[in-house]
Amino acid sequence: MRSVVICLNGVLRPTTHSDGIDPIGRQLYEALTKQFRVVILDETHAADTEHWLGVHSISGYARAYTPPVDFAPRTVAEGRLRMLAAIRNSDGADLVIEPDPTCAAEEIRAGYTVMLYASPQYLMDIWHPDSPKEPRPWDEIVNELDRQKKAKALDTRLKEIDD
């Protein structure tokens, strides 16, 4: 039986610290369990992953794969690739359901077949589970506003509308 790896955060769980479940992600999961051996990939501790899956009555998966305690990748994509390599060696990874376009690109380059799960909840980078949760510095916001004002002032299309 072929194996599919589903990234928990961004597919089943809307965000890293969410208690809820993405209803479309759940339907996708249920459909895949009928034809594939499903492995869940999560970046949190095994106990937290198992608890979340149990709370939401997620069953029928072959294994929930979480990183070892000393796991410290430099980037999200590097971590995902290292975890996928371990999964490929033990369970197989014929298809990867990935919510992060950057990780998906790296996974494709590494030879994985990838389906990008692009939920509208993640249209903005700040909504993505792996996004830094720090507020933008005030100076950066002011500079961005200035940049947009200058761009608008130079946009000839807007001048044509005003005339």
C-alpha atoms as a PDB file:
ATOM      1  CA  MET A   1       0.000   0.000   0.000  1.00  0.00           C
ATOM      2  CA  ARG A   2       1.306   3.457  -0.861  1.00  0.00           C
ATOM      3  CA  SER A   3       2.091   5.921   1.902  1.00  0.00           C
ATOM      4  CA  VAL A   4       1.059   9.545   2.258  1.00  0.00           C
ATOM      5  CA  VAL A   5       2.602  11.981   4.724  1.00  0.00           C
ATOM      6  CA  ILE A   6       0.281  14.706   6.019  1.00  0.00           C
ATOM      7  CA  CYS A   7       1.748  17.721   7.797  1.00  0.00           C
ATOM      8  CA  LEU A   8      -0.433  18.197  10.860  1.00  0.00           C
ATOM      9  CA  ASN A   9       0.072  21.964  11.192  1.00  0.00           C
ATOM     10  CA  GLY A  10      -1.597  23.768   8.335  1.00  0.00           C
ATOM     11  CA  VAL A  11      -3.550  20.783   7.032  1.00  0.00           C
ATOM     12  CA  LEU A  12      -5.440  19.243   9.955  1.00  0.00           C
ATOM     13  CA  ARG A  13      -4.602  21.792  12.654  1.00  0.00           C
ATOM     14  CA  PRO A  14      -5.182  25.373  11.438  1.00  0.00           C
ATOM     15  CA  THR A  15      -2.269  26.807  13.446  1.00  0.00           C
ATOM     16  CA  THR A  16       0.458  25.455  15.697  1.00  0.00           C
ATOM     17  CA  HIS A  17      -1.274  26.445  18.924  1.00  0.00           C
ATOM     18  CA  SER A  18      -4.852  25.892  17.790  1.00  0.00           C
ATOM     19  CA  ASP A  19      -7.203  23.539  19.543  1.00  0.00           C
ATOM     20  CA  GLY A  20      -9.505  23.406  16.519  1.00  0.00           C
ATOM     21  CA  ILE A  21      -9.424  21.313  13.377  1.00  0.00           C
ATOM     22  CA  ASP A  22      -9.641  22.391   9.731  1.00  0.00           C
ATOM     23  CA  PRO A  23     -12.847  20.749   8.417  1.00  0.00           C
ATOM     24  CA  ILE A  24     -11.600  20.491   4.812  1.00  0.00           C
ATOM     25  CA  GLY A  25      -8.270  19.103   6.053  1.00  0.00           C
ATOM     26  CA  ARG A  26     -10.167  16.491   8.045  1.00  0.00           C
ATOM     27  CA  GLN A  27     -12.208  15.479   4.991  1.00  0.00           C
ATOM     28  CA  LEU A  28      -9.013  15.182   2.962  1.00  0.00           C
ATOM     29  CA  TYR A  29      -7.492  13.032   5.725  1.00  0.00           C
ATOM     30  CA  GLU A  30     -10.551  10.767   5.866  1.00  0.00           C
ATOM     31  CA  ALA A  31     -10.503  10.304   2.091  1.00  0.00           C
ATOM     32  CA  LEU A  32      -6.778   9.507   2.056  1.00  0.00           C
ATOM     33  CA  THR A  33      -7.037   6.862   4.805  1.00  0.00           C
ATOM     34  CA  LYS A  34      -9.207   4.780   2.470  1.00  0.00           C
ATOM     35  CA  GLN A  35      -6.472   4.446  -0.173  1.00  0.00           C
ATOM     36  CA  PHE A  36      -3.156   5.183   1.553  1.00  0.00           C
ATOM     37  CA  ARG A  37      -1.139   4.275   4.591  1.00  0.00           C
ATOM     38  CA  VAL A  38      -1.163   7.662   6.365  1.00  0.00           C
ATOM     39  CA  VAL A  39       1.742   9.039   8.379  1.00  0.00           C
ATOM     40  CA  ILE A  40       1.193  12.267  10.299  1.00  0.00           C
ATOM     41  CA  LEU A  41       4.166  14.634  10.505  1.00  0.00           C
ATOM     42  CA  ASP A  42       4.269  17.138  13.372  1.00  0.00           C
ATOM     43  CA  GLU A  43       6.985  19.387  14.774  1.00  0.00           C
ATOM     44  CA  THR A  44       5.739  19.326  18.373  1.00  0.00           C
ATOM     45  CA  HIS A  45       6.363  16.781  21.131  1.00  0.00           C
ATOM     46  CA  ALA A  46       4.944  13.306  20.619  1.00  0.00           C
ATOM     47  CA  ALA A  47       2.684  13.508  23.685  1.00  0.00           C
ATOM     48  CA  ASP A  48       1.147  16.794  22.495  1.00  0.00           C
ATOM     49  CA  THR A  49       0.601  15.385  19.006  1.00  0.00           C
ATOM     50  CA  GLU A  50      -1.041  12.205  20.289  1.00  0.00           C
ATOM     51  CA  HIS A  51      -3.232  14.241  22.656  1.00  0.00           C
ATOM     52  CA  TRP A  52      -4.399  16.576  19.870  1.00  0.00           C
ATOM     53  CA  LEU A  53      -5.147  13.653  17.542  1.00  0.00           C
ATOM     54  CA  GLY A  54      -7.071  11.870  20.310  1.00  0.00           C
ATOM     55  CA  VAL A  55      -9.122  14.938  21.214  1.00  0.00           C
ATOM     56  CA  HIS A  56     -10.231  15.223  17.582  1.00  0.00           C
ATOM     57  CA  SER A  57     -10.833  11.477  17.174  1.00  0.00           C
ATOM     58  CA  ILE A  58      -8.245  11.211  14.420  1.00  0.00           C
ATOM     59  CA  SER A  59      -7.588   7.513  13.981  1.00  0.00           C
ATOM     60  CA  GLY A  60      -6.679   5.162  11.196  1.00  0.00           C
ATOM     61  CA  TYR A  61      -3.195   6.579  10.642  1.00  0.00           C
ATOM     62  CA  ALA A  62      -0.174   4.287  10.588  1.00  0.00           C
ATOM     63  CA  ARG A  63       2.039   6.502  12.706  1.00  0.00           C
ATOM     64  CA  ALA A  64       2.466  10.032  14.009  1.00  0.00           C
ATOM     65  CA  TYR A  65       6.052  11.092  13.389  1.00  0.00           C
ATOM     66  CA  THR A  66       7.536  13.785  15.623  1.00  0.00           C
ATOM     67  CA  PRO A  67      11.141  14.981  15.798  1.00  0.00           C
ATOM     68  CA  PRO A  68      13.655  13.611  18.276  1.00  0.00           C
ATOM     69  CA  VAL A  69      14.329  15.698  21.392  1.00  0.00           C
ATOM     70  CA  ASP A  70      17.679  17.046  20.134  1.00  0.00           C
ATOM     71  CA  PHE A  71      16.221  18.107  16.759  1.00  0.00           C
ATOM     72  CA  ALA A  72      17.347  21.642  15.829  1.00  0.00           C
ATOM     73  CA  PRO A  73      17.080  22.455  12.110  1.00  0.00           C
ATOM     74  CA  ARG A  74      18.188  25.854  10.810  1.00  0.00           C
ATOM     75  CA  THR A  75      15.042  26.358   8.732  1.00  0.00           C
ATOM     76  CA  VAL A  76      11.542  24.896   8.590  1.00  0.00           C
ATOM     77  CA  ALA A  77      12.281  23.395   5.167  1.00  0.00           C
ATOM     78  CA  GLU A  78      15.482  21.744   6.398  1.00  0.00           C
ATOM     79  CA  GLY A  79      13.638  20.248   9.352  1.00  0.00           C
ATOM     80  CA  ARG A  80      10.825  19.005   7.155  1.00  0.00           C
ATOM     81  CA  LEU A  81      13.287  17.363   4.733  1.00  0.00           C
ATOM     82  CA  ARG A  82      15.157  15.635   7.558  1.00  0.00           C
ATOM     83  CA  MET A  83      11.908  14.309   9.008  1.00  0.00           C
ATOM     84  CA  LEU A  84      10.674  13.192   5.583  1.00  0.00           C
ATOM     85  CA  ALA A  85      13.935  11.306   4.984  1.00  0.00           C
ATOM     86  CA  ALA A  86      13.408   9.395   8.232  1.00  0.00           C
ATOM     87  CA  ILE A  87       9.774   8.687   7.324  1.00  0.00           C
ATOM     88  CA  ARG A  88      10.745   7.593   3.800  1.00  0.00           C
ATOM     89  CA  ASN A  89      13.232   5.104   5.262  1.00  0.00           C
ATOM     90  CA  SER A  90      10.770   3.558   7.703  1.00  0.00           C
ATOM     91  CA  ASP A  91       7.257   4.051   6.328  1.00  0.00           C
ATOM     92  CA  GLY A  92       7.655   5.345   2.790  1.00  0.00           C
ATOM     93  CA  ALA A  93       6.555   8.726   1.473  1.00  0.00           C
ATOM     94  CA  ASP A  94       4.876   8.340  -1.901  1.00  0.00           C
ATOM     95  CA  LEU A  95       2.958  11.596  -1.490  1.00  0.00           C
ATOM     96  CA  VAL A  96       3.437  14.563   0.869  1.00  0.00           C
ATOM     97  CA  ILE A  97       0.545  16.897   1.739  1.00  0.00           C
ATOM     98  CA  GLU A  98       2.328  20.171   2.518  1.00  0.00           C
ATOM     99  CA  PRO A  99       0.838  23.560   3.567  1.00  0.00           C
ATOM    100  CA  ASP A 100       4.045  25.606   3.180  1.00  0.00           C
ATOM    101  CA  PRO A 101       4.976  26.600  -0.414  1.00  0.00           C
ATOM    102  CA  THR A 102       8.652  27.091   0.508  1.00  0.00           C
ATOM    103  CA  CYS A 103       8.854  23.618   2.033  1.00  0.00           C
ATOM    104  CA  ALA A 104       6.926  22.171  -0.908  1.00  0.00           C
ATOM    105  CA  ALA A 105       9.480  23.589  -3.355  1.00  0.00           C
ATOM    106  CA  GLU A 106      12.364  22.099  -1.361  1.00  0.00           C
ATOM    107  CA  GLU A 107      10.583  18.747  -1.091  1.00  0.00           C
ATOM    108  CA  ILE A 108      10.013  18.644  -4.852  1.00  0.00           C
ATOM    109  CA  ARG A 109      13.712  19.431  -5.414  1.00  0.00           C
ATOM    110  CA  ALA A 110      14.533  16.545  -3.068  1.00  0.00           C
ATOM    111  CA  GLY A 111      12.444  14.143  -5.176  1.00  0.00           C
ATOM    112  CA  TYR A 112       9.156  13.936  -3.256  1.00  0.00           C
ATOM    113  CA  THR A 113       5.752  14.041  -4.895  1.00  0.00           C
ATOM    114  CA  VAL A 114       4.004  16.942  -3.172  1.00  0.00           C
ATOM    115  CA  MET A 115       0.461  18.237  -3.015  1.00  0.00           C
ATOM    116  CA  LEU A 116       0.269  21.800  -1.719  1.00  0.00           C
ATOM    117  CA  TYR A 117      -2.638  22.299   0.677  1.00  0.00           C
ATOM    118  CA  ALA A 118      -3.314  26.001   0.311  1.00  0.00           C
ATOM    119  CA  SER A 119      -5.979  26.971   2.793  1.00  0.00           C
ATOM    120  CA  PRO A 120      -7.307  30.538   2.558  1.00  0.00           C
ATOM    121  CA  GLN A 121      -6.414  30.859   6.231  1.00  0.00           C
ATOM    122  CA  TYR A 122      -2.796  31.182   5.071  1.00  0.00           C
ATOM    123  CA  LEU A 123      -3.112  33.845   2.377  1.00  0.00           C
ATOM    124  CA  MET A 124      -0.817  36.055   4.431  1.00  0.00           C
ATOM    125  CA  ASP A 125       2.555  34.893   5.738  1.00  0.00           C
ATOM    126  CA  ILE A 126       1.690  36.001   9.248  1.00  0.00           C
ATOM    127  CA  TRP A 127      -1.163  33.474   9.320  1.00  0.00           C
ATOM    128  CA  HIS A 128       1.112  30.543   8.545  1.00  0.00           C
ATOM    129  CA  PRO A 129       1.848  28.184  11.466  1.00  0.00           C
ATOM    130  CA  ASP A 130       5.601  28.630  11.059  1.00  0.00           C
ATOM    131  CA  SER A 131       5.510  32.417  10.838  1.00  0.00           C
ATOM    132  CA  PRO A 132       7.450  34.379  13.436  1.00  0.00           C
ATOM    133  CA  LYS A 133       5.004  35.566  16.081  1.00  0.00           C
ATOM    134  CA  GLU A 134       6.853  38.792  16.901  1.00  0.00           C
ATOM    135  CA  PRO A 135       5.203  42.110  16.056  1.00  0.00           C
ATOM    136  CA  ARG A 136       6.786  44.156  13.277  1.00  0.00           C
ATOM    137  CA  PRO A 137       9.005  46.967  14.541  1.00  0.00           C
ATOM    138  CA  TRP A 138       7.320  50.381  14.380  1.00  0.00           C
ATOM    139  CA  ASP A 139      10.041  51.866  12.169  1.00  0.00           C
ATOM    140  CA  GLU A 140       9.506  49.070   9.651  1.00  0.00           C
ATOM    141  CA  ILE A 141       5.770  49.826   9.532  1.00  0.00           C
ATOM    142  CA  VAL A 142       6.399  53.562   9.048  1.00  0.00           C
ATOM    143  CA  ASN A 143       8.950  52.836   6.278  1.00  0.00           C
ATOM    144  CA  GLU A 144       6.466  50.534   4.540  1.00  0.00           C
ATOM    145  CA  LEU A 145       3.762  53.226   4.654  1.00  0.00           C
ATOM    146  CA  ASP A 146       6.200  55.768   3.195  1.00  0.00           C
ATOM    147  CA  ARG A 147       7.177  53.325   0.445  1.00  0.00           C
ATOM    148  CA  GLN A 148       3.528  52.724  -0.459  1.00  0.00           C
ATOM    149  CA  LYS A 149       2.753  56.465  -0.518  1.00  0.00           C
ATOM    150  CA  LYS A 150       5.700  57.083  -2.871  1.00  0.00           C
ATOM    151  CA  ALA A 151       4.679  54.186  -5.112  1.00  0.00           C
ATOM    152  CA  LYS A 152       1.122  55.515  -5.269  1.00  0.00           C
ATOM    153  CA  ALA A 153       2.343  59.019  -6.108  1.00  0.00           C
ATOM    154  CA  LEU A 154       4.453  57.658  -8.989  1.00  0.00           C
ATOM    155  CA  ASP A 155       1.746  55.343 -10.364  1.00  0.00           C
ATOM    156  CA  THR A 156       0.619  56.878 -13.687  1.00  0.00           C
ATOM    157  CA  ARG A 157      -2.506  54.715 -13.775  1.00  0.00           C
ATOM    158  CA  LEU A 158      -3.848  56.484 -10.693  1.00  0.00           C
ATOM    159  CA  LYS A 159      -3.126  59.916 -12.195  1.00  0.00           C
ATOM    160  CA  GLU A 160      -5.162  59.030 -15.274  1.00  0.00           C
ATOM    161  CA  ILE A 161      -8.154  58.175 -13.087  1.00  0.00           C
ATOM    162  CA  ASP A 162      -7.957  61.472 -11.183  1.00  0.00           C
ATOM    163  CA  ASP A 163      -7.797  63.575 -14.390  1.00  0.00           C
END
